[in-house]
Amino acid sequence: MKILLIIFCFNLLININAKAETWKVDEGQLTYHVKFPLKKIDGISTSVKGKAVCDNNCHVLAAATIKSFDSGDTNRDYRVLKLTEATKHPFVSCVLDLKMPDKNTKTADITVNLAGKDKKYQNIPIHIDVIDKDHLKINGTIPMKLTDFNIEPPSLLGISIDDEVPVDLELKWSKVTL
């Protein structure tokens, strides 16, 4: 429900500001990285949806379902669903306020919603590749911690995974023509 409300607000912004450009995600990937003393694990979702409204700055929404992440181990993926309470909160969403004061400096304030909790990360470096006037690619890494979302890092044989779980954001965008 919260995701639908956010999408509605973005659509409202589009209609209010006729000069703003609207973009949509053509392809997207979110990858989380977990460190355990004996191993590193990546969970990947390629089912990212998103929309952006840009004028001087860009306001971006990207989201994926928790169940779309694949770590290569179904038991581990099931534990992620449990830890994030995916039955109550089925999405992870990122709202980026992308600041572009000049062509060389790009940072974003990113609000992540996971397990029903919001956490804002400020001044995160974002790399933008302009493919052509109607296509671009955005990359960045969100320095997430499980405890930011009141999630206790799980353990195996009494050894916990690292609290830090950085998430790589890779999005390919195309301009929406009205």
N, C-alpha and C. Protein backbone atom coordinates (compact mmCIF):
# COMPACT_ATOMS: atom_id res chain seq x y z
N MET A 1 0.82 -1.20 0.00
CA MET A 1 0.00 0.00 0.00
C MET A 1 0.86 1.26 0.00
N LYS A 2 1.94 1.24 0.80
CA LYS A 2 2.82 2.39 0.88
C LYS A 2 3.47 2.67 -0.47
N ILE A 3 3.86 1.59 -1.18
CA ILE A 3 4.47 1.75 -2.51
C ILE A 3 3.48 2.40 -3.47
N LEU A 4 2.21 1.99 -3.43
CA LEU A 4 1.21 2.57 -4.30
C LEU A 4 1.02 4.05 -4.01
N LEU A 5 1.06 4.44 -2.74
CA LEU A 5 0.94 5.84 -2.35
C LEU A 5 2.12 6.65 -2.88
N ILE A 6 3.33 6.09 -2.79
CA ILE A 6 4.51 6.78 -3.29
C ILE A 6 4.41 6.95 -4.80
N ILE A 7 3.98 5.90 -5.52
CA ILE A 7 3.84 5.99 -6.98
C ILE A 7 2.79 7.03 -7.34
N PHE A 8 1.69 7.09 -6.59
CA PHE A 8 0.66 8.10 -6.84
C PHE A 8 1.23 9.50 -6.67
N CYS A 9 2.03 9.71 -5.64
CA CYS A 9 2.64 11.03 -5.40
C CYS A 9 3.59 11.40 -6.54
N PHE A 10 4.36 10.43 -7.05
CA PHE A 10 5.24 10.70 -8.18
C PHE A 10 4.42 11.07 -9.41
N ASN A 11 3.33 10.37 -9.65
CA ASN A 11 2.48 10.70 -10.79
C ASN A 11 1.88 12.10 -10.64
N LEU A 12 1.54 12.48 -9.44
CA LEU A 12 1.01 13.81 -9.17
C LEU A 12 2.08 14.86 -9.47
N LEU A 13 3.32 14.60 -9.06
CA LEU A 13 4.42 15.52 -9.36
C LEU A 13 4.60 15.71 -10.86
N ILE A 14 4.43 14.66 -11.60
CA ILE A 14 4.59 14.73 -13.06
C ILE A 14 3.55 15.68 -13.64
N ASN A 15 2.32 15.57 -13.20
CA ASN A 15 1.25 16.40 -13.74
C ASN A 15 1.37 17.86 -13.31
N ILE A 16 1.93 18.12 -12.14
CA ILE A 16 2.07 19.48 -11.63
C ILE A 16 3.16 20.22 -12.39
N ASN A 17 4.27 19.57 -12.65
CA ASN A 17 5.42 20.24 -13.25
C ASN A 17 5.58 19.76 -14.70
N ALA A 18 4.99 20.51 -15.64
CA ALA A 18 5.01 20.10 -17.04
C ALA A 18 6.41 20.17 -17.64
N LYS A 19 7.31 21.00 -17.08
CA LYS A 19 8.67 21.11 -17.60
C LYS A 19 9.54 19.92 -17.19
N ALA A 20 9.15 19.22 -16.19
CA ALA A 20 9.95 18.10 -15.70
C ALA A 20 9.94 16.96 -16.70
N GLU A 21 11.07 16.25 -16.74
CA GLU A 21 11.17 15.06 -17.57
C GLU A 21 10.82 13.85 -16.72
N THR A 22 10.19 12.88 -17.35
CA THR A 22 9.83 11.65 -16.66
C THR A 22 10.65 10.51 -17.26
N TRP A 23 11.17 9.65 -16.38
CA TRP A 23 11.99 8.52 -16.78
C TRP A 23 11.42 7.26 -16.15
N LYS A 24 11.69 6.11 -16.79
CA LYS A 24 11.28 4.82 -16.21
C LYS A 24 12.45 3.85 -16.28
N VAL A 25 12.44 2.89 -15.37
CA VAL A 25 13.48 1.86 -15.36
C VAL A 25 13.19 0.86 -16.46
N ASP A 26 14.18 0.66 -17.35
CA ASP A 26 14.08 -0.39 -18.36
C ASP A 26 14.64 -1.69 -17.81
N GLU A 27 15.78 -1.59 -17.14
CA GLU A 27 16.42 -2.74 -16.49
C GLU A 27 16.97 -2.25 -15.16
N GLY A 28 16.88 -3.10 -14.17
CA GLY A 28 17.42 -2.72 -12.88
C GLY A 28 17.91 -3.92 -12.10
N GLN A 29 18.87 -3.65 -11.23
CA GLN A 29 19.39 -4.71 -10.38
C GLN A 29 19.76 -4.12 -9.02
N LEU A 30 19.32 -4.79 -7.98
CA LEU A 30 19.75 -4.50 -6.61
C LEU A 30 20.53 -5.73 -6.14
N THR A 31 21.71 -5.50 -5.58
CA THR A 31 22.53 -6.60 -5.09
C THR A 31 22.97 -6.31 -3.67
N TYR A 32 22.60 -7.18 -2.72
CA TYR A 32 23.10 -7.00 -1.36
C TYR A 32 24.32 -7.91 -1.16
N HIS A 33 25.23 -7.45 -0.30
CA HIS A 33 26.47 -8.18 -0.03
C HIS A 33 26.54 -8.47 1.47
N VAL A 34 26.62 -9.75 1.80
CA VAL A 34 26.70 -10.19 3.19
C VAL A 34 28.07 -10.83 3.42
N LYS A 35 28.69 -10.47 4.55
CA LYS A 35 29.98 -11.07 4.90
C LYS A 35 29.80 -11.93 6.14
N PHE A 36 30.29 -13.12 6.03
CA PHE A 36 30.35 -14.09 7.13
C PHE A 36 31.84 -14.44 7.22
N PRO A 37 32.36 -14.74 8.40
CA PRO A 37 33.81 -14.98 8.50
C PRO A 37 34.38 -15.96 7.47
N LEU A 38 33.61 -16.94 7.07
CA LEU A 38 34.14 -17.94 6.14
C LEU A 38 33.73 -17.73 4.69
N LYS A 39 32.84 -16.76 4.44
CA LYS A 39 32.28 -16.66 3.10
C LYS A 39 31.61 -15.32 2.87
N LYS A 40 31.52 -14.95 1.59
CA LYS A 40 30.78 -13.75 1.18
C LYS A 40 29.61 -14.19 0.33
N ILE A 41 28.47 -13.55 0.54
CA ILE A 41 27.24 -13.94 -0.14
C ILE A 41 26.63 -12.72 -0.80
N ASP A 42 26.15 -12.90 -2.02
CA ASP A 42 25.43 -11.85 -2.73
C ASP A 42 24.02 -12.32 -3.01
N GLY A 43 23.06 -11.44 -2.81
CA GLY A 43 21.68 -11.69 -3.19
C GLY A 43 21.29 -10.68 -4.25
N ILE A 44 20.72 -11.15 -5.34
CA ILE A 44 20.47 -10.29 -6.49
C ILE A 44 18.99 -10.31 -6.86
N SER A 45 18.45 -9.12 -7.12
CA SER A 45 17.12 -8.99 -7.71
C SER A 45 17.26 -8.23 -9.01
N THR A 46 16.73 -8.81 -10.07
CA THR A 46 16.69 -8.13 -11.37
C THR A 46 15.27 -7.69 -11.70
N SER A 47 14.40 -7.73 -10.70
CA SER A 47 12.99 -7.36 -10.89
C SER A 47 12.71 -5.98 -10.32
N VAL A 48 13.57 -5.02 -10.63
CA VAL A 48 13.44 -3.67 -10.09
C VAL A 48 12.55 -2.85 -11.02
N LYS A 49 11.61 -2.15 -10.43
CA LYS A 49 10.74 -1.22 -11.16
C LYS A 49 11.05 0.18 -10.63
N GLY A 50 10.82 1.18 -11.46
CA GLY A 50 11.09 2.52 -10.97
C GLY A 50 10.63 3.61 -11.90
N LYS A 51 10.61 4.81 -11.33
CA LYS A 51 10.18 5.99 -12.05
C LYS A 51 10.96 7.17 -11.49
N ALA A 52 11.21 8.16 -12.35
CA ALA A 52 11.92 9.36 -11.90
C ALA A 52 11.30 10.59 -12.54
N VAL A 53 11.35 11.68 -11.80
CA VAL A 53 10.92 12.98 -12.30
C VAL A 53 12.11 13.91 -12.11
N CYS A 54 12.57 14.52 -13.22
CA CYS A 54 13.76 15.37 -13.17
C CYS A 54 13.46 16.76 -13.69
N ASP A 55 13.90 17.74 -12.92
CA ASP A 55 13.94 19.12 -13.39
C ASP A 55 15.39 19.56 -13.16
N ASN A 56 15.66 20.38 -12.18
CA ASN A 56 17.06 20.69 -11.84
C ASN A 56 17.70 19.54 -11.08
N ASN A 57 16.92 18.85 -10.29
CA ASN A 57 17.34 17.66 -9.57
C ASN A 57 16.40 16.53 -9.98
N CYS A 58 16.70 15.31 -9.56
CA CYS A 58 15.83 14.18 -9.88
C CYS A 58 15.28 13.56 -8.60
N HIS A 59 14.03 13.18 -8.67
CA HIS A 59 13.36 12.47 -7.58
C HIS A 59 13.03 11.09 -8.12
N VAL A 60 13.64 10.07 -7.52
CA VAL A 60 13.63 8.73 -8.07
C VAL A 60 13.00 7.75 -7.09
N LEU A 61 12.19 6.85 -7.59
CA LEU A 61 11.66 5.74 -6.81
C LEU A 61 12.05 4.46 -7.51
N ALA A 62 12.68 3.54 -6.78
CA ALA A 62 12.99 2.21 -7.30
C ALA A 62 12.57 1.20 -6.23
N ALA A 63 12.00 0.09 -6.66
CA ALA A 63 11.52 -0.91 -5.70
C ALA A 63 11.61 -2.30 -6.30
N ALA A 64 11.72 -3.28 -5.41
CA ALA A 64 11.72 -4.70 -5.79
C ALA A 64 11.04 -5.48 -4.67
N THR A 65 10.49 -6.62 -5.02
CA THR A 65 9.93 -7.48 -3.98
C THR A 65 11.07 -8.21 -3.29
N ILE A 66 10.90 -8.45 -2.01
CA ILE A 66 11.91 -9.18 -1.23
C ILE A 66 12.08 -10.58 -1.81
N LYS A 67 10.97 -11.20 -2.22
CA LYS A 67 11.06 -12.59 -2.72
C LYS A 67 11.78 -12.69 -4.06
N SER A 68 12.04 -11.55 -4.73
CA SER A 68 12.75 -11.60 -6.02
C SER A 68 14.27 -11.73 -5.86
N PHE A 69 14.79 -11.60 -4.63
CA PHE A 69 16.23 -11.71 -4.42
C PHE A 69 16.64 -13.18 -4.40
N ASP A 70 17.74 -13.47 -5.09
CA ASP A 70 18.25 -14.83 -5.19
C ASP A 70 19.71 -14.83 -4.77
N SER A 71 20.01 -15.61 -3.72
CA SER A 71 21.39 -15.72 -3.24
C SER A 71 22.04 -17.03 -3.67
N GLY A 72 21.27 -17.86 -4.39
CA GLY A 72 21.79 -19.15 -4.81
C GLY A 72 21.52 -20.25 -3.79
N ASP A 73 20.86 -19.92 -2.69
CA ASP A 73 20.55 -20.90 -1.64
C ASP A 73 19.12 -20.63 -1.18
N THR A 74 18.20 -21.55 -1.47
CA THR A 74 16.79 -21.33 -1.15
C THR A 74 16.55 -21.23 0.36
N ASN A 75 17.33 -21.95 1.17
CA ASN A 75 17.17 -21.84 2.62
C ASN A 75 17.56 -20.44 3.10
N ARG A 76 18.65 -19.91 2.57
CA ARG A 76 19.09 -18.55 2.94
C ARG A 76 18.04 -17.53 2.49
N ASP A 77 17.52 -17.69 1.27
CA ASP A 77 16.51 -16.76 0.76
C ASP A 77 15.25 -16.81 1.62
N TYR A 78 14.90 -17.99 2.10
CA TYR A 78 13.74 -18.13 2.99
C TYR A 78 13.99 -17.38 4.29
N ARG A 79 15.20 -17.47 4.84
CA ARG A 79 15.54 -16.74 6.07
C ARG A 79 15.46 -15.23 5.87
N VAL A 80 15.85 -14.77 4.69
CA VAL A 80 15.75 -13.34 4.39
C VAL A 80 14.28 -12.91 4.42
N LEU A 81 13.41 -13.74 3.84
CA LEU A 81 11.97 -13.43 3.86
C LEU A 81 11.46 -13.32 5.29
N LYS A 82 11.90 -14.23 6.16
CA LYS A 82 11.49 -14.21 7.57
C LYS A 82 12.04 -12.99 8.31
N LEU A 83 13.35 -12.73 8.14
CA LEU A 83 14.00 -11.62 8.84
C LEU A 83 13.41 -10.26 8.47
N THR A 84 13.03 -10.11 7.22
CA THR A 84 12.49 -8.83 6.75
C THR A 84 10.97 -8.75 6.88
N GLU A 85 10.36 -9.80 7.41
CA GLU A 85 8.91 -9.86 7.56
C GLU A 85 8.22 -9.58 6.22
N ALA A 86 8.67 -10.29 5.19
CA ALA A 86 8.21 -10.05 3.82
C ALA A 86 6.72 -10.30 3.62
N THR A 87 6.09 -11.10 4.48
CA THR A 87 4.64 -11.27 4.33
C THR A 87 3.90 -9.99 4.69
N LYS A 88 4.45 -9.21 5.64
CA LYS A 88 3.85 -7.92 6.02
C LYS A 88 4.39 -6.78 5.17
N HIS A 89 5.66 -6.86 4.79
CA HIS A 89 6.35 -5.79 4.07
C HIS A 89 7.06 -6.40 2.85
N PRO A 90 6.32 -6.66 1.78
CA PRO A 90 6.87 -7.43 0.65
C PRO A 90 7.88 -6.70 -0.23
N PHE A 91 8.04 -5.38 -0.05
CA PHE A 91 8.93 -4.61 -0.92
C PHE A 91 10.10 -4.01 -0.17
N VAL A 92 11.18 -3.83 -0.88
CA VAL A 92 12.25 -2.92 -0.46
C VAL A 92 12.17 -1.78 -1.46
N SER A 93 12.15 -0.55 -0.96
CA SER A 93 12.08 0.59 -1.86
C SER A 93 13.17 1.59 -1.52
N CYS A 94 13.60 2.30 -2.55
CA CYS A 94 14.61 3.34 -2.42
C CYS A 94 14.05 4.60 -3.05
N VAL A 95 14.02 5.67 -2.29
CA VAL A 95 13.63 6.97 -2.82
C VAL A 95 14.89 7.82 -2.82
N LEU A 96 15.31 8.23 -4.01
CA LEU A 96 16.53 9.02 -4.16
C LEU A 96 16.18 10.45 -4.51
N ASP A 97 16.76 11.38 -3.77
CA ASP A 97 16.73 12.78 -4.15
C ASP A 97 18.11 13.07 -4.68
N LEU A 98 18.23 13.02 -6.00
CA LEU A 98 19.51 13.13 -6.68
C LEU A 98 19.82 14.60 -6.93
N LYS A 99 20.93 15.06 -6.35
CA LYS A 99 21.34 16.45 -6.48
C LYS A 99 22.41 16.54 -7.57
N MET A 100 22.22 17.47 -8.48
CA MET A 100 23.17 17.62 -9.58
C MET A 100 23.59 19.08 -9.70
N PRO A 101 24.40 19.58 -8.76
CA PRO A 101 24.81 20.98 -8.83
C PRO A 101 25.68 21.27 -10.05
N ASP A 102 26.46 20.30 -10.51
CA ASP A 102 27.22 20.44 -11.75
C ASP A 102 27.45 19.05 -12.32
N LYS A 103 28.06 18.98 -13.48
CA LYS A 103 28.20 17.69 -14.17
C LYS A 103 29.17 16.74 -13.47
N ASN A 104 30.06 17.26 -12.64
CA ASN A 104 31.06 16.42 -12.00
C ASN A 104 30.64 15.93 -10.62
N THR A 105 29.66 16.57 -10.02
CA THR A 105 29.27 16.23 -8.66
C THR A 105 27.84 15.71 -8.65
N LYS A 106 27.69 14.48 -8.24
CA LYS A 106 26.35 13.90 -8.15
C LYS A 106 26.27 13.10 -6.85
N THR A 107 25.37 13.51 -5.99
CA THR A 107 25.13 12.76 -4.77
C THR A 107 23.62 12.64 -4.60
N ALA A 108 23.24 11.72 -3.75
CA ALA A 108 21.81 11.53 -3.49
C ALA A 108 21.58 11.31 -2.00
N ASP A 109 20.48 11.83 -1.54
CA ASP A 109 19.95 11.42 -0.24
C ASP A 109 18.99 10.28 -0.57
N ILE A 110 19.23 9.13 0.03
CA ILE A 110 18.46 7.93 -0.30
C ILE A 110 17.73 7.44 0.94
N THR A 111 16.42 7.33 0.84
CA THR A 111 15.61 6.77 1.91
C THR A 111 15.22 5.36 1.51
N VAL A 112 15.65 4.40 2.32
CA VAL A 112 15.36 2.99 2.05
C VAL A 112 14.26 2.56 3.01
N ASN A 113 13.26 1.85 2.48
CA ASN A 113 12.24 1.24 3.32
C ASN A 113 12.43 -0.27 3.21
N LEU A 114 12.70 -0.89 4.35
CA LEU A 114 12.90 -2.34 4.44
C LEU A 114 12.27 -2.82 5.73
N ALA A 115 11.55 -3.89 5.68
CA ALA A 115 10.92 -4.49 6.86
C ALA A 115 10.04 -3.47 7.59
N GLY A 116 9.42 -2.56 6.83
CA GLY A 116 8.53 -1.58 7.42
C GLY A 116 9.22 -0.42 8.11
N LYS A 117 10.53 -0.32 7.98
CA LYS A 117 11.29 0.75 8.62
C LYS A 117 11.97 1.59 7.54
N ASP A 118 12.06 2.90 7.79
CA ASP A 118 12.75 3.81 6.88
C ASP A 118 14.08 4.23 7.47
N LYS A 119 15.08 4.35 6.60
CA LYS A 119 16.39 4.87 7.00
C LYS A 119 16.88 5.76 5.88
N LYS A 120 17.31 6.98 6.24
CA LYS A 120 17.83 7.93 5.26
C LYS A 120 19.35 7.94 5.30
N TYR A 121 19.95 7.78 4.12
CA TYR A 121 21.40 7.84 3.95
C TYR A 121 21.68 9.11 3.14
N GLN A 122 22.57 9.96 3.64
CA GLN A 122 22.78 11.26 3.01
C GLN A 122 24.09 11.33 2.23
N ASN A 123 24.04 12.13 1.16
CA ASN A 123 25.21 12.43 0.33
C ASN A 123 25.93 11.18 -0.18
N ILE A 124 25.17 10.25 -0.71
CA ILE A 124 25.72 9.02 -1.27
C ILE A 124 26.18 9.31 -2.70
N PRO A 125 27.44 8.99 -3.03
CA PRO A 125 27.92 9.22 -4.40
C PRO A 125 27.14 8.36 -5.41
N ILE A 126 26.76 8.99 -6.51
CA ILE A 126 26.01 8.32 -7.57
C ILE A 126 26.75 8.58 -8.88
N HIS A 127 26.91 7.53 -9.66
CA HIS A 127 27.55 7.66 -10.97
C HIS A 127 26.47 7.56 -12.05
N ILE A 128 26.46 8.53 -12.95
CA ILE A 128 25.49 8.54 -14.03
C ILE A 128 26.22 8.48 -15.36
N ASP A 129 25.87 7.49 -16.18
CA ASP A 129 26.38 7.39 -17.54
C ASP A 129 25.26 7.77 -18.49
N VAL A 130 25.48 8.81 -19.26
CA VAL A 130 24.49 9.21 -20.27
C VAL A 130 24.79 8.40 -21.53
N ILE A 131 23.85 7.55 -21.90
CA ILE A 131 24.01 6.72 -23.09
C ILE A 131 23.68 7.54 -24.33
N ASP A 132 22.55 8.20 -24.30
CA ASP A 132 22.15 9.18 -25.30
C ASP A 132 21.10 10.07 -24.65
N LYS A 133 20.48 10.99 -25.41
CA LYS A 133 19.58 11.95 -24.78
C LYS A 133 18.34 11.31 -24.15
N ASP A 134 18.03 10.08 -24.50
CA ASP A 134 16.84 9.40 -23.98
C ASP A 134 17.14 8.20 -23.10
N HIS A 135 18.43 7.91 -22.85
CA HIS A 135 18.80 6.74 -22.06
C HIS A 135 19.98 7.05 -21.16
N LEU A 136 19.92 6.56 -19.95
CA LEU A 136 21.05 6.71 -19.03
C LEU A 136 21.10 5.56 -18.05
N LYS A 137 22.24 5.47 -17.38
CA LYS A 137 22.46 4.40 -16.40
C LYS A 137 22.93 5.05 -15.10
N ILE A 138 22.34 4.61 -13.98
CA ILE A 138 22.69 5.12 -12.66
C ILE A 138 23.25 3.97 -11.83
N ASN A 139 24.39 4.21 -11.16
CA ASN A 139 25.01 3.22 -10.27
C ASN A 139 25.37 3.89 -8.96
N GLY A 140 25.25 3.15 -7.89
CA GLY A 140 25.67 3.63 -6.59
C GLY A 140 25.62 2.50 -5.59
N THR A 141 26.20 2.74 -4.42
CA THR A 141 26.17 1.74 -3.34
C THR A 141 25.60 2.39 -2.09
N ILE A 142 24.57 1.77 -1.56
CA ILE A 142 23.93 2.25 -0.34
C ILE A 142 24.59 1.54 0.84
N PRO A 143 25.16 2.28 1.81
CA PRO A 143 25.88 1.67 2.93
C PRO A 143 24.94 1.19 4.05
N MET A 144 24.11 0.23 3.74
CA MET A 144 23.09 -0.23 4.70
C MET A 144 23.68 -1.09 5.81
N LYS A 145 23.00 -1.04 6.93
CA LYS A 145 23.27 -1.94 8.06
C LYS A 145 21.94 -2.59 8.44
N LEU A 146 22.00 -3.85 8.83
CA LEU A 146 20.78 -4.54 9.24
C LEU A 146 20.14 -3.85 10.44
N THR A 147 20.97 -3.41 11.38
CA THR A 147 20.44 -2.78 12.59
C THR A 147 19.75 -1.45 12.31
N ASP A 148 20.01 -0.84 11.13
CA ASP A 148 19.28 0.37 10.73
C ASP A 148 17.79 0.09 10.61
N PHE A 149 17.44 -1.18 10.41
CA PHE A 149 16.05 -1.58 10.20
C PHE A 149 15.56 -2.50 11.32
N ASN A 150 16.24 -2.42 12.46
CA ASN A 150 15.91 -3.25 13.64
C ASN A 150 15.95 -4.74 13.32
N ILE A 151 16.88 -5.13 12.46
CA ILE A 151 17.08 -6.54 12.14
C ILE A 151 18.37 -6.99 12.82
N GLU A 152 18.26 -7.97 13.68
CA GLU A 152 19.43 -8.53 14.35
C GLU A 152 20.19 -9.40 13.35
N PRO A 153 21.49 -9.14 13.16
CA PRO A 153 22.25 -9.97 12.21
C PRO A 153 22.17 -11.45 12.58
N PRO A 154 21.76 -12.29 11.64
CA PRO A 154 21.64 -13.72 11.94
C PRO A 154 23.01 -14.36 12.16
N SER A 155 22.99 -15.51 12.82
CA SER A 155 24.25 -16.19 13.10
C SER A 155 24.14 -17.66 12.72
N LEU A 156 25.32 -18.25 12.53
CA LEU A 156 25.44 -19.67 12.26
C LEU A 156 26.52 -20.20 13.19
N LEU A 157 26.18 -21.22 13.98
CA LEU A 157 27.10 -21.79 14.96
C LEU A 157 27.65 -20.73 15.91
N GLY A 158 26.79 -19.76 16.26
CA GLY A 158 27.16 -18.72 17.21
C GLY A 158 27.97 -17.58 16.63
N ILE A 159 28.23 -17.59 15.33
CA ILE A 159 28.99 -16.53 14.68
C ILE A 159 28.04 -15.72 13.80
N SER A 160 27.92 -14.42 14.10
CA SER A 160 27.00 -13.56 13.36
C SER A 160 27.63 -13.06 12.06
N ILE A 161 26.75 -12.78 11.10
CA ILE A 161 27.21 -12.12 9.88
C ILE A 161 27.50 -10.66 10.24
N ASP A 162 28.23 -9.96 9.37
CA ASP A 162 28.49 -8.54 9.58
C ASP A 162 27.18 -7.77 9.54
N ASP A 163 27.11 -6.73 10.36
CA ASP A 163 25.94 -5.86 10.37
C ASP A 163 25.85 -5.07 9.06
N GLU A 164 27.00 -4.72 8.49
CA GLU A 164 27.03 -3.97 7.25
C GLU A 164 26.64 -4.86 6.07
N VAL A 165 25.62 -4.41 5.35
CA VAL A 165 25.12 -5.14 4.18
C VAL A 165 24.95 -4.11 3.06
N PRO A 166 26.06 -3.71 2.41
CA PRO A 166 25.94 -2.72 1.34
C PRO A 166 25.09 -3.24 0.19
N VAL A 167 24.36 -2.33 -0.43
CA VAL A 167 23.49 -2.69 -1.55
C VAL A 167 23.89 -1.87 -2.77
N ASP A 168 24.23 -2.58 -3.85
CA ASP A 168 24.55 -1.93 -5.12
C ASP A 168 23.25 -1.70 -5.88
N LEU A 169 23.14 -0.51 -6.41
CA LEU A 169 21.98 -0.09 -7.18
C LEU A 169 22.45 0.15 -8.61
N GLU A 170 21.88 -0.58 -9.57
CA GLU A 170 22.21 -0.41 -10.99
C GLU A 170 20.91 -0.30 -11.76
N LEU A 171 20.70 0.86 -12.36
CA LEU A 171 19.43 1.10 -13.06
C LEU A 171 19.69 1.68 -14.44
N LYS A 172 19.04 1.11 -15.45
CA LYS A 172 19.07 1.65 -16.81
C LYS A 172 17.71 2.31 -17.06
N TRP A 173 17.75 3.58 -17.46
CA TRP A 173 16.56 4.39 -17.59
C TRP A 173 16.31 4.80 -19.03
N SER A 174 15.05 5.01 -19.35
CA SER A 174 14.69 5.64 -20.62
C SER A 174 13.68 6.75 -20.36
N LYS A 175 13.78 7.79 -21.17
CA LYS A 175 12.88 8.93 -21.02
C LYS A 175 11.50 8.54 -21.51
N VAL A 176 10.49 8.95 -20.78
CA VAL A 176 9.10 8.70 -21.16
C VAL A 176 8.64 9.89 -21.98
N THR A 177 8.14 9.62 -23.16
CA THR A 177 7.62 10.70 -24.00
C THR A 177 6.11 10.69 -23.87
N LEU A 178 5.57 11.85 -23.61
CA LEU A 178 4.12 11.97 -23.41
C LEU A 178 3.42 12.39 -24.67
